[in-house]
Structure formats: structure tokens, C-alpha cells
Amino acid sequence: MSAKLTADQVTAALGVEPCGRFPQLFSGVTIDTRRAAAGELFVAIRGDRYDGNDFSDVAVAAGVSGVVGENRDFAEREQIAFWAVPDGRAALQALAGYYRKSLSTQVIAITGSNGKTTTKELIAAVLGQRFSTSRTSGNLNNQIGVPLTLLDIEPDSDWAVVELGTSEPGEIAILSRIAQPSIAVITGVAASHLEGLGSVQAVIDEKLALGRALAPDKVLFYNGDDPRLAAAVSGLACRLISYGIESSNDVRPTRWKLDGEGRGMFEVDGRTYRLRLVGRHNVVNALAAVAVGREVDISPGAIAVGIAEPDTLPLRMQLERWGDVVALVDCYNANPESVASAVATLVALDDASRRIAVLGEMLELGDQSEALHEQVGSELAPAGVDVVATVGVGAAPIASGAEDAGVAAFRFNDQPGAIRWLIDNLRPGDAVLFKASRGAALEHVVEPVREACLGCSVEINR
């Protein structure tokens, strides 16, 4: 971690007096004893599966100079600096907030139901053309990940692009207070995390907490193609700038298209921008980066260079050619809106003889799950899908909705059945989409089907 804190600074952040032996400076902050390094400060966090307080002695053995944790005895406690706290997660957030206040770095915070990570990568790539820029690693966007991201900001960074996620009410407000953004981006709202949030309106209210955290002179960029979001942000006190494909947006393309492999190109104010990323939704994500780049006075040419840098992230709209079969692998996350976007990209691919959607369950939809899955299925026929195969019992209502709309549908309760069917039935010229929530682990279907299409020997778990 980049944050180098003195014992006095840790005390000031936590509001707790320490005991033991105090080093002049901690070399960083860690919560993972497997990666703990000499001289670091270990923060013990109690989680659902592991309790970091049980590993304080392991951290000391690894060489840490201090521990923040619950008031328990452990080996060599008196030989290091120790702060007793009731809640390690709250302590980590307090340390991150303290460190954030010490930085001159400006923070861009990004939230939304879809596209956070890709938009973060695009914005960071654009800012990096002119400024020293830090960013969230991967998708460390929760109440532990965001503090770790902030503590990892290099002191000389001009900008930091930080992703904020949520699964229950109040999280975005907490993370916004810690991050203290000067620019915010909301990528859109969708039926996601409904188990914790309850309704799409609750999702909107939760995302708006980021806008409410901004002072009136700060700016919120939002996806104006999302009518629910566009209506909701109108009451915020901060400056508002919309982006998107529709002509009503402040930042919009005069023209745009996807090429034969689904990669985006668009034009804004006479400048052409080309993406390595696949899908209409990534054109919209890139427009967010254009809007932010313009706001901080990056030249159009430099913005275009930044937009072209990010490539497909693992399991997110990966375009692959398996011999004579084209595959779109998008198994990282799924909700009804993101499935519709992925399907649109599938249909846009040139020269496909059949367009096949292999869909797994969309998780965390609460008591609306069955109805939303069936709705997704009903929309496949008008979208242009020829065949749908569902994987897992929870995804079966998609097949029901698709059949009612006239699409050929196949249901598989387990992955081996889906794998066998795909290997037996895919043929040259097919384009196939794999889409599901991360917990459905649909990539385990992708791997053997890919190998079979490429002529490898495949052993299926029967």
C-alpha cells in the first residue's frame, strides 16, 4: 500500500490511544497476512468467513510493525504498536478517510448498475494522457475495497478514479464521504442487487447518494440515455452533464456504429474515436470518458488515444473466434438491462448463420427473479436471437419466456448437459453469446466448448 502513516497519524485517525512499541513510520496498510510485509500496519477485519483478529500473530510473524484490531491477546502484542478498536472495517475506513484528506489528489468516483469497471478504465486511460492517475484495482468497490483503493493512491497522483459499488442501502453515502470526490459519474440504473435494495427506485436512490455528496460547484456526469436516471438527477444541487447516444445529451455523437466484430466507433464535434471494446454499451461508456476528458481540458486528440487503449476485461464481452464459430463471452455480471445490451451486440455481428444465446441465472433479484428472467426471455425474439439455451434451474424461466415468443429454447439444469448440447449442435457460421451473473460460473461451460470448437479433446464431467 502507498499510504505511509506515523503512529500519531493512526491515533488521530482512529481516536484511540495505542500501546506497545511505536515505529517512526508504517510502510503501508494491509488487511491480508498472506501479503503482509515488514513495517506495515495490519488492520484485522471480522468477515463472514474469516476473522482477521485470529491472524494478528501471523501478521506480526510476517514483520508488521503495528496492528489495529479487537482487544485480544496474541503473540508479541507488546512488541508492536497496537490499537484496540471495536470494528476493524470501520477502522480501515477511518484510516482511508484520514489519508484521503492529506492528499491533493482529485478523485473521480464512479457508480452505476452496469459498466462501472469499464468506464473506470476508460476514464483513467484518458486522464493518464496528461496527468498522473491512480485507479481502483479490478473491482475493489465495496466498504473494504474502496478504503484499500484510497490507501493505495500515490501521494503525487493528480487524479484517482475510484469505483463505488453497493448491495444494501447506505453504502454509497459511506463510500462517498470517505472518497470525497470532486467529479462523479453514474453509468446507469438497473434491476440489480434487489435482494438488498428491494426495488429499482431504491437502486436509484442509493446511486444518487453519490450526487448528493457533491458540492454545488462540483460536477456529476450521468448516462442520459437512461430516462429514469435522467429524471432522478434533476433535483441534485451539483452541476449536471449528461452523456449518451441520444440527441438530448450534452455530450453525444453525431454518428456512431459497430463494425462487423462489434467494436465501436463514434464522432463527437468532428473528432473520430475508435474503441477496442465490443458493444453499444461501451460506446456509451466511452462517451463518459470523453465528457470527463473535456471537463479537465484534455485535448480531443489525447482523449482519442486514451479511448483506444483499454482492451476487453476478463469475462466481459470478450470477442473470440473458435474456428468458424464466433463467441461473445460475458460471464462477469448480469441483470436484465445488461443481458439486453449483450444480446444487441450478438445480433449486430456480421454474417452469422444463427445467433445463439447461452444464458445463466441473473442473481440477487429477490422476489422479482422469476418474472425478470421470463421477461428477458420474451425479449429475445424481437431482438433477433434464433436459439436460447439456459443453464441452471434459476435461468429456466428465460426459456419459458423465449418459447412463448417463438424462439427455440433448450433448458439444462446443469453445466455438463449444456456443454454436451453445445458441442453436438454448434456449427460453422454460428455466433454464440455466454451471459450470466458471476456466481453462475458460466465460464466453466465456455472452456470445454471453446476447446471442442478448436479441435481439442474434451472430457465432460458426466
Protein backbone atom coordinates (compact mmCIF):
# COMPACT_ATOMS: atom_id res chain seq x y z
CA MET A 1 0.00 0.00 0.00
CA SER A 2 1.16 3.54 -0.72
CA ALA A 3 -0.13 5.16 2.48
CA LYS A 4 2.79 5.76 4.84
CA LEU A 5 1.45 6.80 8.22
CA THR A 6 3.07 7.61 11.56
CA ALA A 7 1.75 6.22 14.82
CA ASP A 8 0.49 9.71 15.70
CA GLN A 9 -1.46 9.87 12.43
CA VAL A 10 -3.01 6.46 13.05
CA THR A 11 -4.01 7.60 16.53
CA ALA A 12 -5.54 10.79 15.13
CA ALA A 13 -7.46 8.83 12.50
CA LEU A 14 -8.83 6.25 14.93
CA GLY A 15 -9.29 8.42 18.01
CA VAL A 16 -7.76 5.61 20.10
CA GLU A 17 -4.54 5.65 22.11
CA PRO A 18 -2.15 2.81 21.26
CA CYS A 19 0.03 0.62 23.40
CA GLY A 20 3.30 -1.19 22.72
CA ARG A 21 6.31 -0.06 20.70
CA PHE A 22 5.83 2.58 18.02
CA PRO A 23 7.80 2.76 14.78
CA GLN A 24 8.64 6.09 13.20
CA LEU A 25 6.61 5.26 10.11
CA PHE A 26 4.45 2.45 8.80
CA SER A 27 5.41 1.45 5.27
CA GLY A 28 1.80 0.74 4.29
CA VAL A 29 -1.54 -0.67 5.41
CA THR A 30 -2.68 -4.26 4.82
CA ILE A 31 -5.59 -6.50 5.77
CA ASP A 32 -4.11 -9.73 4.35
CA THR A 33 -1.48 -11.63 6.34
CA ARG A 34 -0.58 -13.60 3.20
CA ARG A 35 0.70 -10.38 1.64
CA ALA A 36 1.85 -8.59 4.78
CA ALA A 37 5.29 -7.01 4.54
CA ALA A 38 7.81 -5.83 7.07
CA GLY A 39 6.98 -2.45 8.55
CA GLU A 40 3.31 -2.40 7.56
CA LEU A 41 0.22 -1.76 9.68
CA PHE A 42 -2.17 -4.72 9.80
CA VAL A 43 -5.89 -3.98 10.19
CA ALA A 44 -7.81 -7.04 11.43
CA ILE A 45 -11.29 -7.28 9.93
CA ARG A 46 -14.00 -9.68 11.04
CA GLY A 47 -15.69 -11.11 7.92
CA ASP A 48 -18.41 -13.63 7.16
CA ARG A 49 -15.94 -16.50 6.67
CA TYR A 50 -12.73 -15.36 8.34
CA ASP A 51 -11.87 -13.24 11.33
CA GLY A 52 -8.70 -11.26 10.79
CA ASN A 53 -8.28 -10.96 14.56
CA ASP A 54 -7.42 -14.66 14.61
CA PHE A 55 -4.37 -13.91 12.46
CA SER A 56 -2.81 -10.97 14.27
CA ASP A 57 0.06 -13.18 15.48
CA VAL A 58 0.61 -14.34 11.88
CA ALA A 59 0.85 -10.71 10.80
CA VAL A 60 3.43 -10.00 13.49
CA ALA A 61 5.43 -13.05 12.44
CA ALA A 62 5.36 -11.67 8.87
CA GLY A 63 7.02 -8.50 10.13
CA VAL A 64 4.26 -5.90 10.55
CA SER A 65 5.09 -3.10 12.96
CA GLY A 66 1.54 -2.43 14.14
CA VAL A 67 -1.90 -4.00 14.46
CA VAL A 68 -5.36 -2.44 14.58
CA GLY A 69 -7.92 -4.91 15.88
CA GLU A 70 -10.23 -6.11 18.59
CA ASN A 71 -8.83 -6.13 22.13
CA ARG A 72 -7.50 -9.69 22.20
CA ASP A 73 -4.21 -11.18 23.32
CA PHE A 74 -1.84 -12.57 20.71
CA ALA A 75 1.83 -13.44 20.49
CA GLU A 76 4.23 -10.48 20.60
CA ARG A 77 1.42 -7.96 21.09
CA GLU A 78 3.60 -5.85 23.38
CA GLN A 79 6.41 -5.80 20.83
CA ILE A 80 4.48 -3.83 18.22
CA ALA A 81 2.12 -0.84 18.19
CA PHE A 82 -1.45 -1.94 18.90
CA TRP A 83 -4.72 -0.02 18.66
CA ALA A 84 -7.77 -1.71 20.18
CA VAL A 85 -10.94 -0.98 18.17
CA PRO A 86 -14.44 -2.49 18.22
CA ASP A 87 -14.76 -2.76 14.41
CA GLY A 88 -11.83 -3.33 12.07
CA ARG A 89 -13.81 -2.38 8.97
CA ALA A 90 -14.76 1.00 10.45
CA ALA A 91 -11.14 1.49 11.48
CA LEU A 92 -9.94 0.81 7.94
CA GLN A 93 -12.44 3.35 6.62
CA ALA A 94 -11.26 5.92 9.19
CA LEU A 95 -7.64 5.41 8.15
CA ALA A 96 -8.57 5.76 4.47
CA GLY A 97 -10.59 8.90 5.12
CA TYR A 98 -7.73 10.44 7.09
CA TYR A 99 -5.22 9.61 4.36
CA ARG A 100 -7.57 10.90 1.65
CA LYS A 101 -7.78 14.28 3.38
CA SER A 102 -3.99 14.55 3.38
CA LEU A 103 -3.79 14.23 -0.40
CA SER A 104 -4.01 16.96 -3.01
CA THR A 105 -5.19 14.28 -5.46
CA GLN A 106 -8.60 14.86 -7.02
CA VAL A 107 -10.96 11.90 -7.00
CA ILE A 108 -13.44 10.82 -9.67
CA ALA A 109 -15.98 8.43 -8.19
CA ILE A 110 -17.97 6.09 -10.44
CA THR A 111 -21.08 4.13 -9.59
CA GLY A 112 -23.93 2.50 -11.53
CA SER A 113 -25.64 -0.82 -12.08
CA ASN A 114 -23.60 -1.65 -15.19
CA GLY A 115 -20.32 -0.58 -16.73
CA LYS A 116 -18.52 0.78 -13.66
CA THR A 117 -15.25 -1.07 -14.18
CA THR A 118 -15.01 -0.48 -17.93
CA THR A 119 -15.91 3.21 -17.54
CA LYS A 120 -13.28 3.48 -14.80
CA GLU A 121 -10.65 2.01 -17.12
CA LEU A 122 -11.63 4.32 -19.99
CA ILE A 123 -11.61 7.46 -17.83
CA ALA A 124 -8.28 6.53 -16.23
CA ALA A 125 -6.77 5.91 -19.67
CA VAL A 126 -7.93 9.33 -20.86
CA LEU A 127 -6.67 11.13 -17.74
CA GLY A 128 -3.39 9.27 -17.99
CA GLN A 129 -2.62 11.02 -21.28
CA ARG A 130 -1.93 14.22 -19.34
CA PHE A 131 -1.97 13.53 -15.59
CA SER A 132 -0.50 11.13 -13.07
CA THR A 133 -3.50 8.87 -12.41
CA SER A 134 -4.35 6.15 -9.90
CA ARG A 135 -7.36 3.86 -10.19
CA THR A 136 -9.28 1.10 -8.48
CA SER A 137 -7.56 -2.23 -8.96
CA GLY A 138 -10.01 -4.66 -10.56
CA ASN A 139 -13.37 -4.06 -8.93
CA LEU A 140 -12.41 -3.37 -5.30
CA ASN A 141 -15.52 -1.24 -4.90
CA ASN A 142 -17.13 -2.16 -1.56
CA GLN A 143 -16.71 -0.94 2.03
CA ILE A 144 -13.36 -2.69 2.26
CA GLY A 145 -12.20 -2.35 -1.35
CA VAL A 146 -12.72 1.41 -1.61
CA PRO A 147 -10.67 2.19 1.54
CA LEU A 148 -7.89 -0.07 0.25
CA THR A 149 -8.02 1.76 -3.09
CA LEU A 150 -7.74 5.14 -1.39
CA LEU A 151 -4.86 3.94 0.78
CA ASP A 152 -3.11 2.82 -2.40
CA ILE A 153 -3.15 6.26 -4.04
CA GLU A 154 0.34 7.55 -4.68
CA PRO A 155 0.84 10.92 -2.97
CA ASP A 156 1.94 12.52 -6.23
CA SER A 157 -1.12 11.37 -8.20
CA ASP A 158 -3.05 14.22 -9.81
CA TRP A 159 -6.20 12.13 -10.15
CA ALA A 160 -7.62 8.92 -8.77
CA VAL A 161 -10.51 7.10 -10.44
CA VAL A 162 -12.42 5.16 -7.81
CA GLU A 163 -15.26 2.69 -8.35
CA LEU A 164 -18.09 2.58 -5.79
CA GLY A 165 -20.38 -0.44 -5.53
CA THR A 166 -23.35 -1.22 -3.34
CA SER A 167 -25.60 -4.10 -2.36
CA GLU A 168 -27.54 -2.52 0.52
CA PRO A 169 -28.89 0.92 1.43
CA GLY A 170 -26.42 3.50 2.72
CA GLU A 171 -23.21 2.10 1.25
CA ILE A 172 -22.73 4.73 -1.46
CA ALA A 173 -23.16 7.52 1.10
CA ILE A 174 -20.48 5.95 3.33
CA LEU A 175 -18.06 5.45 0.46
CA SER A 176 -18.67 8.96 -0.90
CA ARG A 177 -17.82 10.51 2.47
CA ILE A 178 -14.55 8.61 2.52
CA ALA A 179 -13.60 9.25 -1.11
CA GLN A 180 -14.58 12.98 -1.18
CA PRO A 181 -14.90 13.15 -4.97
CA SER A 182 -14.75 16.35 -6.97
CA ILE A 183 -16.23 14.62 -10.04
CA ALA A 184 -18.79 11.82 -10.06
CA VAL A 185 -20.15 9.51 -12.75
CA ILE A 186 -23.34 7.43 -12.66
CA THR A 187 -23.33 4.92 -15.52
CA GLY A 188 -26.99 3.93 -15.24
CA VAL A 189 -29.51 2.13 -13.05
CA ALA A 190 -30.99 -1.33 -13.48
CA ALA A 191 -32.74 -4.15 -11.67
CA SER A 192 -29.67 -5.28 -9.75
CA HIS A 193 -28.97 -6.15 -6.10
CA LEU A 194 -32.71 -6.21 -5.48
CA GLU A 195 -32.27 -8.67 -2.60
CA GLY A 196 -30.56 -5.94 -0.61
CA LEU A 197 -32.12 -2.83 -2.13
CA GLY A 198 -35.67 -4.04 -2.83
CA SER A 199 -36.64 -2.13 -5.97
CA VAL A 200 -35.26 -0.23 -8.93
CA GLN A 201 -36.37 3.00 -7.26
CA ALA A 202 -34.28 2.06 -4.24
CA VAL A 203 -31.34 1.41 -6.58
CA ILE A 204 -31.79 4.92 -7.99
CA ASP A 205 -31.95 6.46 -4.52
CA GLU A 206 -28.80 4.62 -3.50
CA LYS A 207 -26.84 5.73 -6.58
CA LEU A 208 -28.00 9.34 -6.13
CA ALA A 209 -26.18 9.42 -2.80
CA LEU A 210 -23.02 9.99 -4.84
CA GLY A 211 -24.51 13.09 -6.45
CA ARG A 212 -25.76 14.35 -3.10
CA ALA A 213 -22.20 14.15 -1.76
CA LEU A 214 -21.02 16.74 -4.30
CA ALA A 215 -20.81 20.47 -3.57
CA PRO A 216 -22.78 22.77 -5.92
CA ASP A 217 -19.62 23.68 -7.86
CA LYS A 218 -18.72 20.02 -8.48
CA VAL A 219 -19.99 18.05 -11.47
CA LEU A 220 -21.93 14.83 -11.92
CA PHE A 221 -21.79 13.10 -15.30
CA TYR A 222 -24.69 10.74 -15.88
CA ASN A 223 -25.96 8.43 -18.60
CA GLY A 224 -28.72 10.50 -20.14
CA ASP A 225 -29.88 7.57 -22.28
CA ASP A 226 -31.37 6.15 -19.06
CA PRO A 227 -34.68 8.04 -18.65
CA ARG A 228 -35.15 7.00 -15.03
CA LEU A 229 -31.73 8.31 -14.10
CA ALA A 230 -32.16 11.50 -16.14
CA ALA A 231 -35.36 12.30 -14.28
CA ALA A 232 -33.91 11.45 -10.88
CA VAL A 233 -30.76 13.62 -11.05
CA SER A 234 -32.71 16.80 -11.81
CA GLY A 235 -33.14 17.59 -8.13
CA LEU A 236 -29.45 17.47 -7.26
CA ALA A 237 -27.60 20.66 -6.32
CA CYS A 238 -24.37 19.91 -8.19
CA ARG A 239 -23.62 20.67 -11.84
CA LEU A 240 -25.06 18.11 -14.21
CA ILE A 241 -23.67 16.94 -17.57
CA SER A 242 -25.36 14.14 -19.48
CA TYR A 243 -23.68 11.82 -21.94
CA GLY A 244 -25.03 9.13 -24.26
CA ILE A 245 -26.07 8.27 -27.76
CA GLU A 246 -29.43 10.03 -27.74
CA SER A 247 -29.56 13.55 -29.18
CA SER A 248 -30.85 15.06 -25.91
CA ASN A 249 -27.47 14.56 -24.17
CA ASP A 250 -24.91 17.27 -23.54
CA VAL A 251 -22.11 15.04 -24.84
CA ARG A 252 -23.33 12.92 -27.74
CA PRO A 253 -22.05 11.55 -31.04
CA THR A 254 -23.06 13.00 -34.39
CA ARG A 255 -22.74 9.43 -35.64
CA TRP A 256 -21.72 6.05 -34.29
CA LYS A 257 -21.59 2.44 -35.38
CA LEU A 258 -20.33 -1.03 -34.53
CA ASP A 259 -18.05 -2.73 -37.01
CA GLY A 260 -18.55 -6.32 -38.18
CA GLU A 261 -16.96 -7.61 -34.98
CA GLY A 262 -19.00 -5.37 -32.70
CA ARG A 263 -16.29 -2.79 -31.91
CA GLY A 264 -17.44 0.78 -31.53
CA MET A 265 -16.63 3.94 -33.46
CA PHE A 266 -18.21 7.35 -32.90
CA GLU A 267 -17.73 11.00 -33.75
CA VAL A 268 -18.04 14.00 -31.41
CA ASP A 269 -17.52 17.55 -32.66
CA GLY A 270 -15.73 16.34 -35.76
CA ARG A 271 -13.29 14.06 -33.92
CA THR A 272 -13.48 10.30 -34.55
CA TYR A 273 -12.99 7.94 -31.61
CA ARG A 274 -12.36 4.21 -32.07
CA LEU A 275 -12.69 1.50 -29.44
CA ARG A 276 -11.05 -1.86 -29.00
CA LEU A 277 -14.05 -2.72 -26.82
CA VAL A 278 -17.14 -4.51 -28.11
CA GLY A 279 -20.77 -3.39 -27.89
CA ARG A 280 -23.09 -0.41 -27.99
CA HIS A 281 -22.88 -0.07 -24.23
CA ASN A 282 -19.14 0.54 -24.49
CA VAL A 283 -19.77 3.40 -26.90
CA VAL A 284 -21.82 4.94 -24.09
CA ASN A 285 -19.10 4.17 -21.53
CA ALA A 286 -16.54 5.81 -23.80
CA LEU A 287 -18.71 8.92 -24.11
CA ALA A 288 -18.44 9.26 -20.32
CA ALA A 289 -14.65 9.31 -20.69
CA VAL A 290 -14.87 11.88 -23.48
CA ALA A 291 -17.09 14.06 -21.28
CA VAL A 292 -14.69 13.86 -18.32
CA GLY A 293 -11.67 14.48 -20.53
CA ARG A 294 -13.24 17.62 -21.96
CA GLU A 295 -14.12 18.84 -18.46
CA VAL A 296 -10.46 18.69 -17.33
CA ASP A 297 -9.11 20.26 -20.55
CA ILE A 298 -7.56 17.23 -22.21
CA SER A 299 -7.24 17.73 -25.95
CA PRO A 300 -9.52 15.76 -28.30
CA GLY A 301 -6.51 14.02 -29.81
CA ALA A 302 -5.27 12.86 -26.41
CA ILE A 303 -8.77 11.74 -25.46
CA ALA A 304 -8.93 9.67 -28.63
CA VAL A 305 -5.61 7.99 -27.78
CA GLY A 306 -6.88 7.17 -24.29
CA ILE A 307 -10.22 5.84 -25.54
CA ALA A 308 -8.39 3.42 -27.85
CA GLU A 309 -6.19 1.95 -25.10
CA PRO A 310 -8.45 -0.28 -22.96
CA ASP A 311 -8.98 -3.78 -24.26
CA THR A 312 -11.61 -6.28 -23.20
CA LEU A 313 -11.56 -7.10 -19.49
CA PRO A 314 -11.64 -10.79 -18.48
CA LEU A 315 -15.11 -12.35 -18.84
CA ARG A 316 -16.56 -9.03 -20.04
CA MET A 317 -17.71 -9.05 -23.69
CA GLN A 318 -14.69 -10.95 -24.89
CA LEU A 319 -14.96 -11.48 -28.65
CA GLU A 320 -13.35 -14.79 -29.59
CA ARG A 321 -13.12 -16.83 -32.80
CA TRP A 322 -13.30 -20.57 -32.26
CA GLY A 323 -12.58 -21.79 -35.77
CA ASP A 324 -15.74 -20.95 -37.72
CA VAL A 325 -17.74 -20.05 -34.60
CA VAL A 326 -17.77 -16.53 -33.12
CA ALA A 327 -18.24 -16.29 -29.35
CA LEU A 328 -19.06 -13.40 -27.04
CA VAL A 329 -18.01 -14.32 -23.51
CA ASP A 330 -19.63 -12.06 -20.89
CA CYS A 331 -19.84 -14.06 -17.66
CA TYR A 332 -18.88 -11.44 -15.08
CA ASN A 333 -22.21 -9.88 -14.21
CA ALA A 334 -25.81 -9.89 -15.40
CA ASN A 335 -29.12 -8.12 -14.90
CA PRO A 336 -31.98 -7.61 -17.38
CA GLU A 337 -30.52 -4.44 -18.87
CA SER A 338 -27.01 -5.84 -19.34
CA VAL A 339 -28.39 -9.03 -20.91
CA ALA A 340 -30.37 -6.93 -23.40
CA SER A 341 -27.23 -4.96 -24.25
CA ALA A 342 -25.17 -8.12 -24.74
CA VAL A 343 -27.89 -9.62 -26.94
CA ALA A 344 -27.90 -6.46 -29.08
CA THR A 345 -24.17 -6.89 -29.62
CA LEU A 346 -24.66 -10.55 -30.55
CA VAL A 347 -27.28 -9.62 -33.14
CA ALA A 348 -25.05 -6.88 -34.58
CA LEU A 349 -22.30 -9.36 -35.50
CA ASP A 350 -21.97 -9.70 -39.28
CA ASP A 351 -22.54 -12.88 -41.29
CA ALA A 352 -23.79 -15.14 -38.51
CA SER A 353 -25.93 -18.01 -39.74
CA ARG A 354 -27.52 -18.44 -36.29
CA ARG A 355 -27.41 -16.28 -33.20
CA ILE A 356 -27.46 -18.41 -30.07
CA ALA A 357 -27.78 -17.02 -26.53
CA VAL A 358 -26.48 -19.27 -23.74
CA LEU A 359 -27.83 -17.66 -20.58
CA GLY A 360 -27.32 -18.47 -16.93
CA GLU A 361 -29.04 -17.08 -13.88
CA MET A 362 -29.13 -13.36 -13.02
CA LEU A 363 -28.53 -13.34 -9.28
CA GLU A 364 -29.65 -11.06 -6.42
CA LEU A 365 -33.01 -10.17 -7.97
CA GLY A 366 -35.02 -11.09 -4.89
CA ASP A 367 -38.70 -11.97 -5.20
CA GLN A 368 -38.79 -10.47 -8.71
CA SER A 369 -36.29 -13.01 -10.01
CA GLU A 370 -38.64 -15.39 -11.87
CA ALA A 371 -40.62 -12.59 -13.53
CA LEU A 372 -37.49 -10.75 -14.63
CA HIS A 373 -35.92 -13.90 -16.06
CA GLU A 374 -39.10 -14.61 -18.03
CA GLN A 375 -39.17 -11.01 -19.27
CA VAL A 376 -35.60 -11.35 -20.57
CA GLY A 377 -36.67 -14.46 -22.50
CA SER A 378 -39.68 -12.74 -24.03
CA GLU A 379 -37.43 -10.02 -25.47
CA LEU A 380 -35.08 -12.40 -27.29
CA ALA A 381 -37.30 -12.96 -30.35
CA PRO A 382 -37.79 -9.30 -31.29
CA ALA A 383 -34.09 -8.72 -30.64
CA GLY A 384 -33.18 -11.28 -33.30
CA VAL A 385 -31.97 -14.31 -31.33
CA ASP A 386 -32.52 -17.65 -33.09
CA VAL A 387 -31.87 -20.10 -30.26
CA VAL A 388 -31.59 -19.81 -26.48
CA ALA A 389 -30.07 -22.36 -24.11
CA THR A 390 -30.47 -21.78 -20.38
CA VAL A 391 -28.04 -23.21 -17.83
CA GLY A 392 -29.21 -23.84 -14.27
CA VAL A 393 -32.63 -24.16 -12.68
CA GLY A 394 -32.80 -20.46 -11.86
CA ALA A 395 -32.36 -19.50 -15.52
CA ALA A 396 -35.16 -21.77 -16.79
CA PRO A 397 -37.83 -19.02 -16.84
CA ILE A 398 -35.79 -17.33 -19.59
CA ALA A 399 -36.50 -20.37 -21.78
CA SER A 400 -40.21 -20.18 -20.93
CA GLY A 401 -40.40 -16.53 -21.96
CA ALA A 402 -38.45 -17.23 -25.14
CA GLU A 403 -40.68 -20.17 -26.15
CA ASP A 404 -43.81 -18.08 -25.67
CA ALA A 405 -42.26 -15.51 -28.03
CA GLY A 406 -41.41 -18.14 -30.66
CA VAL A 407 -37.70 -18.74 -30.04
CA ALA A 408 -36.31 -22.28 -29.99
CA ALA A 409 -35.33 -22.87 -26.35
CA PHE A 410 -33.39 -25.58 -24.54
CA ARG A 411 -33.18 -25.95 -20.75
CA PHE A 412 -30.26 -27.53 -18.92
CA ASN A 413 -30.33 -27.95 -15.17
CA ASP A 414 -26.58 -28.49 -15.01
CA GLN A 415 -23.49 -27.42 -16.90
CA PRO A 416 -22.45 -30.83 -18.31
CA GLY A 417 -25.78 -31.12 -20.13
CA ALA A 418 -25.34 -27.69 -21.68
CA ILE A 419 -21.76 -28.48 -22.66
CA ARG A 420 -22.73 -31.70 -24.43
CA TRP A 421 -25.56 -29.99 -26.31
CA LEU A 422 -23.37 -27.10 -27.44
CA ILE A 423 -20.56 -29.38 -28.60
CA ASP A 424 -23.06 -31.51 -30.54
CA ASN A 425 -25.06 -28.64 -32.04
CA LEU A 426 -22.78 -25.66 -32.73
CA ARG A 427 -21.93 -25.44 -36.41
CA PRO A 428 -19.78 -23.25 -38.66
CA GLY A 429 -21.17 -19.72 -39.01
CA ASP A 430 -22.84 -19.65 -35.58
CA ALA A 431 -22.42 -16.69 -33.25
CA VAL A 432 -22.93 -17.57 -29.59
CA LEU A 433 -23.26 -15.38 -26.51
CA PHE A 434 -22.46 -16.63 -23.00
CA LYS A 435 -24.01 -14.36 -20.36
CA ALA A 436 -24.77 -14.82 -16.64
CA SER A 437 -24.03 -13.46 -13.20
CA ARG A 438 -20.60 -14.24 -11.82
CA GLY A 439 -21.96 -16.71 -9.29
CA ALA A 440 -23.34 -18.89 -12.09
CA ALA A 441 -19.73 -19.66 -13.17
CA LEU A 442 -20.75 -19.92 -16.83
CA GLU A 443 -17.09 -19.75 -17.83
CA HIS A 444 -16.93 -23.45 -16.92
CA VAL A 445 -19.28 -24.06 -19.85
CA VAL A 446 -17.23 -21.81 -22.12
CA GLU A 447 -13.91 -23.59 -21.60
CA PRO A 448 -14.76 -27.09 -22.91
CA VAL A 449 -16.93 -25.74 -25.74
CA ARG A 450 -14.09 -23.49 -26.85
CA GLU A 451 -11.69 -26.43 -26.79
CA ALA A 452 -14.07 -28.62 -28.77
CA CYS A 453 -14.61 -25.96 -31.44
CA LEU A 454 -10.85 -25.53 -31.77
CA GLY A 455 -10.40 -29.26 -32.25
CA CYS A 456 -9.11 -30.15 -28.80
CA SER A 457 -10.04 -33.34 -26.98
CA VAL A 458 -12.68 -32.58 -24.34
CA GLU A 459 -13.64 -34.64 -21.30
CA ILE A 460 -17.08 -33.77 -19.92
CA ASN A 461 -17.96 -34.44 -16.30
CA ARG A 462 -20.95 -36.72 -16.73
